[in-house]
């Protein structure tokens, strides 16, 4: 069988996706801010979430969440992360205020704790209306 680099990467990606689908103590799902609507201020140069969000290393009552912002300058960017019990983000159980800086390549990472095992949680990052 001829296994090209592309086929190998596709197989590894598919395997990783299957591995991440295994049951965990709780599930976290990313959601977009329900109340955000673009306006003129949001179109000004500023942070942009070009790298998505991620979660990992789940334990019984906590999980690591992270993202990266892509600002137009080297100025630090205030980032808010909210964890909620519903997709509309109306039942917020915790909020984390973070600062993305050039020192961390504008990546923010947190250990979201105080979660109940066996429950589904939703999370979102926001900065400057995005």
N, C-alpha and C. Protein backbone atom coordinates (compact mmCIF):
# COMPACT_ATOMS: atom_id res chain seq x y z
N UNK A 1 0.84 -1.18 0.00
CA UNK A 1 0.00 0.00 0.00
C UNK A 1 0.89 1.24 0.00
N UNK A 2 0.58 2.17 -0.87
CA UNK A 2 1.33 3.41 -0.97
C UNK A 2 0.74 4.42 0.00
N UNK A 3 1.46 4.74 1.06
CA UNK A 3 0.97 5.67 2.09
C UNK A 3 1.67 7.00 1.92
N UNK A 4 0.99 7.94 1.30
CA UNK A 4 1.56 9.26 1.11
C UNK A 4 1.50 10.04 2.42
N UNK A 5 2.25 11.13 2.47
CA UNK A 5 2.24 11.99 3.65
C UNK A 5 0.83 12.51 3.92
N UNK A 6 0.12 12.90 2.85
CA UNK A 6 -1.23 13.41 3.01
C UNK A 6 -2.15 12.35 3.62
N UNK A 7 -2.08 11.11 3.10
CA UNK A 7 -2.92 10.02 3.63
C UNK A 7 -2.59 9.74 5.10
N UNK A 8 -1.30 9.79 5.42
CA UNK A 8 -0.89 9.57 6.81
C UNK A 8 -1.47 10.65 7.71
N UNK A 9 -1.37 11.92 7.30
CA UNK A 9 -1.93 13.01 8.11
C UNK A 9 -3.44 12.88 8.23
N UNK A 10 -4.12 12.49 7.15
CA UNK A 10 -5.57 12.30 7.21
C UNK A 10 -5.93 11.19 8.19
N UNK A 11 -5.17 10.09 8.16
CA UNK A 11 -5.43 8.98 9.06
C UNK A 11 -5.19 9.38 10.52
N UNK A 12 -4.10 10.11 10.77
CA UNK A 12 -3.81 10.57 12.13
C UNK A 12 -4.88 11.52 12.64
N UNK A 13 -5.34 12.41 11.77
CA UNK A 13 -6.39 13.36 12.16
C UNK A 13 -7.68 12.62 12.47
N UNK A 14 -8.05 11.67 11.64
CA UNK A 14 -9.26 10.88 11.88
C UNK A 14 -9.14 10.10 13.18
N UNK A 15 -7.96 9.55 13.43
CA UNK A 15 -7.75 8.81 14.68
C UNK A 15 -7.84 9.70 15.90
N UNK A 16 -7.28 10.90 15.79
CA UNK A 16 -7.36 11.85 16.91
C UNK A 16 -8.80 12.26 17.17
N UNK A 17 -9.57 12.46 16.10
CA UNK A 17 -10.97 12.84 16.26
C UNK A 17 -11.75 11.73 16.94
N UNK A 18 -11.49 10.50 16.56
CA UNK A 18 -12.17 9.38 17.20
C UNK A 18 -11.77 9.26 18.66
N UNK A 19 -10.48 9.45 18.93
CA UNK A 19 -10.01 9.36 20.30
C UNK A 19 -10.61 10.43 21.19
N UNK A 20 -10.85 11.62 20.64
CA UNK A 20 -11.41 12.70 21.44
C UNK A 20 -12.92 12.53 21.62
N UNK A 21 -13.53 11.60 20.89
CA UNK A 21 -14.97 11.39 21.00
C UNK A 21 -15.33 10.45 22.14
N UNK A 22 -14.33 9.92 22.86
CA UNK A 22 -14.63 9.00 23.94
C UNK A 22 -15.34 9.71 25.08
N UNK A 23 -16.18 8.99 25.85
CA UNK A 23 -16.92 9.65 26.93
C UNK A 23 -15.99 10.22 27.98
N UNK A 24 -16.35 11.34 28.53
CA UNK A 24 -15.57 12.00 29.58
C UNK A 24 -16.50 12.27 30.76
N UNK A 25 -15.91 12.76 31.85
CA UNK A 25 -16.71 13.06 33.03
C UNK A 25 -17.73 14.15 32.76
N UNK A 26 -17.42 15.06 31.86
CA UNK A 26 -18.34 16.11 31.45
C UNK A 26 -17.94 16.56 30.07
N UNK A 27 -18.81 17.29 29.41
CA UNK A 27 -18.50 17.78 28.07
C UNK A 27 -18.52 19.30 28.08
N UNK A 28 -17.63 19.91 27.31
CA UNK A 28 -17.61 21.35 27.13
C UNK A 28 -17.77 21.63 25.66
N UNK A 29 -18.60 22.60 25.32
CA UNK A 29 -18.81 22.95 23.93
C UNK A 29 -18.63 24.45 23.79
N UNK A 30 -17.91 24.85 22.74
CA UNK A 30 -17.73 26.28 22.49
C UNK A 30 -18.98 26.83 21.83
N UNK A 31 -19.29 28.06 22.15
CA UNK A 31 -20.45 28.70 21.56
C UNK A 31 -20.13 30.16 21.27
N UNK A 32 -20.78 30.71 20.29
CA UNK A 32 -20.57 32.12 19.95
C UNK A 32 -21.40 32.99 20.88
N UNK A 33 -20.93 34.20 21.19
CA UNK A 33 -21.72 35.10 22.04
C UNK A 33 -23.08 35.37 21.41
N UNK A 34 -24.15 35.08 22.15
CA UNK A 34 -25.51 35.24 21.62
C UNK A 34 -25.89 36.70 21.42
N UNK A 35 -25.37 37.59 22.27
CA UNK A 35 -25.79 38.98 22.23
C UNK A 35 -24.97 39.84 21.28
N UNK A 36 -23.90 39.35 20.71
CA UNK A 36 -23.02 40.17 19.88
C UNK A 36 -23.59 40.39 18.49
N UNK A 37 -23.62 41.63 18.09
CA UNK A 37 -24.00 42.02 16.74
C UNK A 37 -22.94 43.01 16.26
N UNK A 38 -22.40 42.85 15.05
CA UNK A 38 -21.33 43.76 14.61
C UNK A 38 -21.82 45.19 14.49
N UNK A 39 -20.96 46.12 14.88
CA UNK A 39 -21.23 47.54 14.68
C UNK A 39 -19.94 48.20 14.21
N UNK A 40 -19.96 49.50 13.99
CA UNK A 40 -18.80 50.20 13.44
C UNK A 40 -17.55 50.02 14.30
N UNK A 41 -17.69 50.04 15.63
CA UNK A 41 -16.54 49.89 16.51
C UNK A 41 -15.90 48.52 16.36
N UNK A 42 -16.71 47.50 16.08
CA UNK A 42 -16.17 46.15 15.94
C UNK A 42 -15.37 45.97 14.66
N UNK A 43 -15.52 46.85 13.71
CA UNK A 43 -14.81 46.73 12.44
C UNK A 43 -13.46 47.44 12.46
N UNK A 44 -13.17 48.16 13.55
CA UNK A 44 -11.88 48.82 13.69
C UNK A 44 -10.79 47.78 13.92
N UNK A 45 -9.55 48.10 13.60
CA UNK A 45 -8.47 47.15 13.86
C UNK A 45 -8.46 46.77 15.34
N UNK A 46 -8.30 45.53 15.60
CA UNK A 46 -8.28 45.04 16.98
C UNK A 46 -8.09 43.55 16.98
N UNK A 47 -8.33 42.91 18.10
CA UNK A 47 -8.11 41.47 18.17
C UNK A 47 -9.08 40.71 17.28
N UNK A 48 -8.58 39.65 16.72
CA UNK A 48 -9.40 38.79 15.88
C UNK A 48 -9.10 37.36 16.31
N UNK A 49 -10.13 36.58 16.51
CA UNK A 49 -9.95 35.17 16.86
C UNK A 49 -9.79 34.38 15.57
N UNK A 50 -8.57 34.24 15.12
CA UNK A 50 -8.28 33.53 13.88
C UNK A 50 -7.87 32.08 14.11
N UNK A 51 -7.70 31.69 15.35
CA UNK A 51 -7.15 30.38 15.66
C UNK A 51 -8.12 29.46 16.37
N UNK A 52 -9.36 29.88 16.54
CA UNK A 52 -10.35 29.03 17.19
C UNK A 52 -10.16 28.96 18.68
N UNK A 53 -10.84 28.02 19.30
CA UNK A 53 -10.75 27.77 20.73
C UNK A 53 -10.48 26.29 20.92
N UNK A 54 -10.06 25.93 22.11
CA UNK A 54 -9.78 24.53 22.38
C UNK A 54 -9.99 24.23 23.85
N UNK A 55 -10.24 22.97 24.13
CA UNK A 55 -10.31 22.49 25.51
C UNK A 55 -9.53 21.19 25.57
N UNK A 56 -9.03 20.87 26.74
CA UNK A 56 -8.27 19.65 26.87
C UNK A 56 -7.97 19.32 28.31
N UNK A 57 -7.35 18.17 28.51
CA UNK A 57 -6.95 17.69 29.83
C UNK A 57 -8.10 17.71 30.84
N UNK A 58 -9.27 17.13 30.46
CA UNK A 58 -10.40 17.15 31.39
C UNK A 58 -10.17 16.26 32.61
N UNK A 59 -10.54 16.77 33.75
CA UNK A 59 -10.54 16.01 35.00
C UNK A 59 -11.98 15.98 35.49
N UNK A 60 -12.23 15.41 36.64
CA UNK A 60 -13.59 15.30 37.16
C UNK A 60 -14.29 16.64 37.30
N UNK A 61 -13.57 17.68 37.73
CA UNK A 61 -14.21 18.96 38.02
C UNK A 61 -13.54 20.16 37.35
N UNK A 62 -12.67 19.91 36.38
CA UNK A 62 -12.00 21.03 35.72
C UNK A 62 -11.52 20.61 34.34
N UNK A 63 -11.22 21.63 33.53
CA UNK A 63 -10.72 21.41 32.19
C UNK A 63 -9.90 22.64 31.78
N UNK A 64 -8.92 22.44 30.92
CA UNK A 64 -8.13 23.56 30.42
C UNK A 64 -8.80 24.10 29.16
N UNK A 65 -8.93 25.43 29.09
CA UNK A 65 -9.48 26.12 27.93
C UNK A 65 -8.44 27.10 27.42
N UNK A 66 -8.36 27.26 26.10
CA UNK A 66 -7.42 28.25 25.58
C UNK A 66 -7.82 28.73 24.19
N UNK A 67 -7.24 29.88 23.85
CA UNK A 67 -7.42 30.48 22.53
C UNK A 67 -6.26 31.43 22.28
N UNK A 68 -6.25 32.01 21.10
CA UNK A 68 -5.23 33.00 20.75
C UNK A 68 -5.92 34.12 19.99
N UNK A 69 -5.55 35.37 20.33
CA UNK A 69 -6.05 36.52 19.60
C UNK A 69 -4.95 37.00 18.65
N UNK A 70 -5.35 37.64 17.56
CA UNK A 70 -4.41 38.19 16.59
C UNK A 70 -4.65 39.69 16.51
N UNK A 71 -3.99 40.46 17.39
CA UNK A 71 -4.21 41.91 17.40
C UNK A 71 -3.45 42.59 16.28
N UNK A 72 -3.81 43.84 16.03
CA UNK A 72 -3.14 44.63 15.00
C UNK A 72 -1.88 45.30 15.53
N UNK A 73 -1.70 45.32 16.85
CA UNK A 73 -0.51 45.94 17.43
C UNK A 73 0.03 45.01 18.51
N UNK A 74 1.10 45.44 19.16
CA UNK A 74 1.72 44.64 20.22
C UNK A 74 1.13 44.94 21.60
N UNK A 75 0.06 45.75 21.64
CA UNK A 75 -0.57 46.11 22.91
C UNK A 75 -1.30 44.90 23.50
N UNK A 76 -1.26 44.73 24.84
CA UNK A 76 -2.00 43.64 25.48
C UNK A 76 -3.50 43.73 25.18
N UNK A 77 -4.17 42.59 25.16
CA UNK A 77 -5.59 42.53 24.86
C UNK A 77 -6.31 41.85 26.02
N UNK A 78 -7.33 42.53 26.57
CA UNK A 78 -8.16 41.94 27.63
C UNK A 78 -9.11 40.93 27.00
N UNK A 79 -9.14 39.72 27.57
CA UNK A 79 -9.98 38.63 27.06
C UNK A 79 -10.85 38.13 28.20
N UNK A 80 -12.11 37.90 27.90
CA UNK A 80 -13.05 37.35 28.87
C UNK A 80 -13.42 35.94 28.44
N UNK A 81 -13.40 35.01 29.37
CA UNK A 81 -13.87 33.65 29.10
C UNK A 81 -15.03 33.38 30.05
N UNK A 82 -16.15 32.93 29.48
CA UNK A 82 -17.31 32.59 30.30
C UNK A 82 -17.64 31.11 30.10
N UNK A 83 -18.06 30.47 31.19
CA UNK A 83 -18.50 29.07 31.16
C UNK A 83 -19.94 29.07 31.64
N UNK A 84 -20.81 28.40 30.87
CA UNK A 84 -22.24 28.42 31.20
C UNK A 84 -22.83 27.01 31.09
N UNK A 85 -24.03 26.88 31.63
CA UNK A 85 -24.75 25.60 31.59
C UNK A 85 -25.64 25.47 30.35
N UNK A 86 -25.77 26.55 29.55
CA UNK A 86 -26.63 26.48 28.37
C UNK A 86 -25.94 27.14 27.18
N UNK A 87 -26.34 26.74 25.99
CA UNK A 87 -25.73 27.24 24.77
C UNK A 87 -25.96 28.73 24.55
N UNK A 88 -27.02 29.28 25.11
CA UNK A 88 -27.30 30.71 24.96
C UNK A 88 -26.45 31.56 25.90
N UNK A 89 -25.68 30.91 26.75
CA UNK A 89 -24.79 31.57 27.71
C UNK A 89 -25.56 32.45 28.70
N UNK A 90 -26.78 32.04 29.03
CA UNK A 90 -27.57 32.81 29.99
C UNK A 90 -27.41 32.27 31.42
N UNK A 91 -26.91 31.06 31.57
CA UNK A 91 -26.70 30.47 32.91
C UNK A 91 -25.19 30.33 33.17
N UNK A 92 -24.53 31.47 33.27
CA UNK A 92 -23.08 31.51 33.46
C UNK A 92 -22.72 31.00 34.85
N UNK A 93 -21.76 30.07 34.91
CA UNK A 93 -21.31 29.54 36.20
C UNK A 93 -19.96 30.10 36.61
N UNK A 94 -19.19 30.62 35.62
CA UNK A 94 -17.91 31.25 35.97
C UNK A 94 -17.44 32.16 34.85
N UNK A 95 -16.67 33.16 35.24
CA UNK A 95 -16.06 34.10 34.31
C UNK A 95 -14.59 34.24 34.66
N UNK A 96 -13.77 34.34 33.64
CA UNK A 96 -12.33 34.50 33.82
C UNK A 96 -11.88 35.69 33.00
N UNK A 97 -11.17 36.61 33.63
CA UNK A 97 -10.63 37.77 32.93
C UNK A 97 -9.14 37.54 32.75
N UNK A 98 -8.71 37.57 31.48
CA UNK A 98 -7.34 37.23 31.14
C UNK A 98 -6.71 38.36 30.34
N UNK A 99 -5.40 38.35 30.24
CA UNK A 99 -4.69 39.35 29.46
C UNK A 99 -3.78 38.63 28.46
N UNK A 100 -4.05 38.82 27.18
CA UNK A 100 -3.21 38.24 26.12
C UNK A 100 -2.10 39.23 25.82
N UNK A 101 -0.86 38.79 25.90
CA UNK A 101 0.28 39.67 25.68
C UNK A 101 1.25 39.06 24.67
N UNK A 102 2.16 39.88 24.18
CA UNK A 102 3.16 39.38 23.24
C UNK A 102 4.07 38.35 23.91
N UNK A 103 4.21 38.44 25.21
CA UNK A 103 5.06 37.49 25.96
C UNK A 103 4.56 36.06 25.80
N UNK A 104 3.24 35.90 25.69
CA UNK A 104 2.64 34.57 25.52
C UNK A 104 2.12 34.37 24.09
N UNK A 105 2.63 35.17 23.17
CA UNK A 105 2.20 35.12 21.76
C UNK A 105 0.69 35.31 21.65
N UNK A 106 0.15 36.13 22.53
CA UNK A 106 -1.27 36.48 22.56
C UNK A 106 -2.18 35.25 22.73
N UNK A 107 -1.64 34.25 23.42
CA UNK A 107 -2.41 33.05 23.75
C UNK A 107 -2.85 33.16 25.20
N UNK A 108 -4.10 32.81 25.47
CA UNK A 108 -4.60 32.76 26.85
C UNK A 108 -5.03 31.32 27.14
N UNK A 109 -4.76 30.92 28.37
CA UNK A 109 -5.04 29.54 28.79
C UNK A 109 -5.48 29.59 30.24
N UNK A 110 -6.51 28.84 30.56
CA UNK A 110 -6.99 28.83 31.93
C UNK A 110 -7.44 27.45 32.33
N UNK A 111 -7.48 27.23 33.63
CA UNK A 111 -7.96 25.98 34.20
C UNK A 111 -9.35 26.26 34.76
N UNK A 112 -10.39 25.94 34.00
CA UNK A 112 -11.77 26.19 34.43
C UNK A 112 -12.15 25.11 35.44
N UNK A 113 -12.39 25.53 36.67
CA UNK A 113 -12.68 24.58 37.74
C UNK A 113 -14.08 24.75 38.29
N UNK A 114 -14.39 23.95 39.30
CA UNK A 114 -15.69 24.02 39.95
C UNK A 114 -16.82 23.43 39.12
N UNK A 115 -16.50 22.54 38.18
CA UNK A 115 -17.51 21.95 37.32
C UNK A 115 -18.06 20.67 37.94
N UNK A 116 -19.29 20.34 37.59
CA UNK A 116 -19.91 19.12 38.09
C UNK A 116 -19.70 17.98 37.10
N UNK A 117 -19.24 16.83 37.57
CA UNK A 117 -19.06 15.69 36.67
C UNK A 117 -20.39 15.29 36.02
N UNK A 118 -20.31 14.82 34.78
CA UNK A 118 -21.49 14.33 34.09
C UNK A 118 -22.40 15.41 33.53
N UNK A 119 -21.99 16.66 33.58
CA UNK A 119 -22.80 17.78 33.07
C UNK A 119 -22.17 18.35 31.81
N UNK A 120 -22.99 18.93 30.96
CA UNK A 120 -22.49 19.60 29.76
C UNK A 120 -22.35 21.09 30.05
N UNK A 121 -21.21 21.65 29.66
CA UNK A 121 -20.94 23.07 29.83
C UNK A 121 -20.60 23.66 28.47
N UNK A 122 -20.83 24.94 28.33
CA UNK A 122 -20.50 25.69 27.12
C UNK A 122 -19.56 26.80 27.52
N UNK A 123 -18.69 27.19 26.61
CA UNK A 123 -17.75 28.26 26.94
C UNK A 123 -17.55 29.16 25.73
N UNK A 124 -17.14 30.39 26.02
CA UNK A 124 -16.86 31.36 24.96
C UNK A 124 -15.79 32.32 25.43
N UNK A 125 -14.97 32.73 24.49
CA UNK A 125 -13.99 33.78 24.72
C UNK A 125 -14.50 35.01 23.99
N UNK A 126 -14.24 36.19 24.55
CA UNK A 126 -14.60 37.42 23.87
C UNK A 126 -13.55 38.48 24.16
N UNK A 127 -13.40 39.39 23.19
CA UNK A 127 -12.49 40.52 23.32
C UNK A 127 -12.96 41.59 22.34
N UNK A 128 -13.16 42.80 22.84
CA UNK A 128 -13.59 43.93 22.02
C UNK A 128 -14.80 43.61 21.15
N UNK A 129 -15.77 42.95 21.71
CA UNK A 129 -17.02 42.67 21.00
C UNK A 129 -17.00 41.45 20.10
N UNK A 130 -15.88 40.78 20.01
CA UNK A 130 -15.83 39.57 19.18
C UNK A 130 -15.90 38.36 20.05
